[in-house]
C-alpha atoms as a PDB file:
ATOM      1  CA  UNK A   1     -33.916  50.537 -73.194  1.00  0.00           C
ATOM      2  CA  UNK A   2     -32.887  46.775 -73.201  1.00  0.00           C
ATOM      3  CA  UNK A   3     -30.083  45.257 -70.704  1.00  0.00           C
ATOM      4  CA  UNK A   4     -27.465  43.201 -71.588  1.00  0.00           C
ATOM      5  CA  UNK A   5     -24.889  41.256 -69.776  1.00  0.00           C
ATOM      6  CA  UNK A   6     -21.129  41.854 -71.007  1.00  0.00           C
ATOM      7  CA  UNK A   7     -18.684  39.069 -69.668  1.00  0.00           C
ATOM      8  CA  UNK A   8     -14.957  39.387 -70.885  1.00  0.00           C
ATOM      9  CA  UNK A   9     -13.832  35.747 -72.232  1.00  0.00           C
ATOM     10  CA  UNK A  10     -10.213  36.635 -73.910  1.00  0.00           C
ATOM     11  CA  UNK A  11      -7.353  38.232 -72.544  1.00  0.00           C
ATOM     12  CA  UNK A  12      -6.427  41.985 -72.915  1.00  0.00           C
ATOM     13  CA  UNK A  13      -2.816  41.067 -73.792  1.00  0.00           C
ATOM     14  CA  UNK A  14      -3.249  41.108 -77.576  1.00  0.00           C
ATOM     15  CA  UNK A  15      -5.575  44.173 -77.647  1.00  0.00           C
ATOM     16  CA  UNK A  16      -4.596  47.786 -78.238  1.00  0.00           C
ATOM     17  CA  UNK A  17      -4.702  50.429 -75.714  1.00  0.00           C
ATOM     18  CA  UNK A  18      -7.957  51.886 -77.200  1.00  0.00           C
ATOM     19  CA  UNK A  19      -9.712  48.679 -76.645  1.00  0.00           C
ATOM     20  CA  UNK A  20      -8.374  48.348 -73.204  1.00  0.00           C
ATOM     21  CA  UNK A  21      -9.638  51.507 -72.466  1.00  0.00           C
ATOM     22  CA  UNK A  22     -12.943  50.781 -74.168  1.00  0.00           C
ATOM     23  CA  UNK A  23     -13.372  47.758 -71.663  1.00  0.00           C
ATOM     24  CA  UNK A  24     -12.245  49.677 -68.626  1.00  0.00           C
ATOM     25  CA  UNK A  25     -15.209  52.198 -69.585  1.00  0.00           C
ATOM     26  CA  UNK A  26     -17.509  49.355 -69.722  1.00  0.00           C
ATOM     27  CA  UNK A  27     -16.523  48.454 -66.181  1.00  0.00           C
ATOM     28  CA  UNK A  28     -15.028  45.151 -66.967  1.00  0.00           C
ATOM     29  CA  UNK A  29     -12.060  44.343 -65.117  1.00  0.00           C
ATOM     30  CA  UNK A  30     -10.701  40.676 -65.838  1.00  0.00           C
ATOM     31  CA  UNK A  31     -11.546  37.742 -67.575  1.00  0.00           C
ATOM     32  CA  UNK A  32     -14.703  36.146 -66.768  1.00  0.00           C
ATOM     33  CA  UNK A  33     -15.776  39.236 -65.086  1.00  0.00           C
ATOM     34  CA  UNK A  34     -19.526  40.305 -66.171  1.00  0.00           C
ATOM     35  CA  UNK A  35     -21.430  43.790 -66.251  1.00  0.00           C
ATOM     36  CA  UNK A  36     -24.871  44.974 -66.741  1.00  0.00           C
ATOM     37  CA  UNK A  37     -25.412  47.903 -69.116  1.00  0.00           C
ATOM     38  CA  UNK A  38     -28.329  49.533 -70.674  1.00  0.00           C
ATOM     39  CA  UNK A  39     -27.852  48.992 -74.418  1.00  0.00           C
ATOM     40  CA  UNK A  40     -27.624  52.657 -75.830  1.00  0.00           C
ATOM     41  CA  UNK A  41     -26.209  53.405 -79.231  1.00  0.00           C
ATOM     42  CA  UNK A  42     -22.862  54.522 -77.483  1.00  0.00           C
ATOM     43  CA  UNK A  43     -22.539  51.450 -75.571  1.00  0.00           C
ATOM     44  CA  UNK A  44     -23.367  49.292 -78.461  1.00  0.00           C
ATOM     45  CA  UNK A  45     -20.564  50.971 -80.580  1.00  0.00           C
ATOM     46  CA  UNK A  46     -18.327  50.246 -77.535  1.00  0.00           C
ATOM     47  CA  UNK A  47     -19.404  46.532 -77.425  1.00  0.00           C
ATOM     48  CA  UNK A  48     -18.590  46.261 -81.252  1.00  0.00           C
ATOM     49  CA  UNK A  49     -15.375  47.400 -80.782  1.00  0.00           C
ATOM     50  CA  UNK A  50     -14.461  44.839 -78.233  1.00  0.00           C
ATOM     51  CA  UNK A  51     -16.838  42.096 -79.527  1.00  0.00           C
ATOM     52  CA  UNK A  52     -13.672  39.499 -80.135  1.00  0.00           C
ATOM     53  CA  UNK A  53     -12.801  39.906 -76.573  1.00  0.00           C
ATOM     54  CA  UNK A  54     -16.682  39.547 -74.773  1.00  0.00           C
ATOM     55  CA  UNK A  55     -19.682  37.473 -75.025  1.00  0.00           C
ATOM     56  CA  UNK A  56     -23.051  39.503 -74.881  1.00  0.00           C
ATOM     57  CA  UNK A  57     -26.469  38.084 -73.210  1.00  0.00           C
ATOM     58  CA  UNK A  58     -29.625  39.760 -73.468  1.00  0.00           C
ATOM     59  CA  UNK A  59     -31.358  40.258 -70.191  1.00  0.00           C
ATOM     60  CA  UNK A  60     -35.227  40.046 -69.894  1.00  0.00           C
END
């Protein structure tokens, strides 16, 4: 599986409780915090739900 780096770039203040829980499940704690995760179908779905709050970079 490919790995991706997910970084939060926008605040959680306008997000729904479900979106905040998704960020926490990804392991993202605050703005400019990054995590590296395996790009599985489950993680891809989680990223799609909070794509307006994060940036995604592929790691080679």
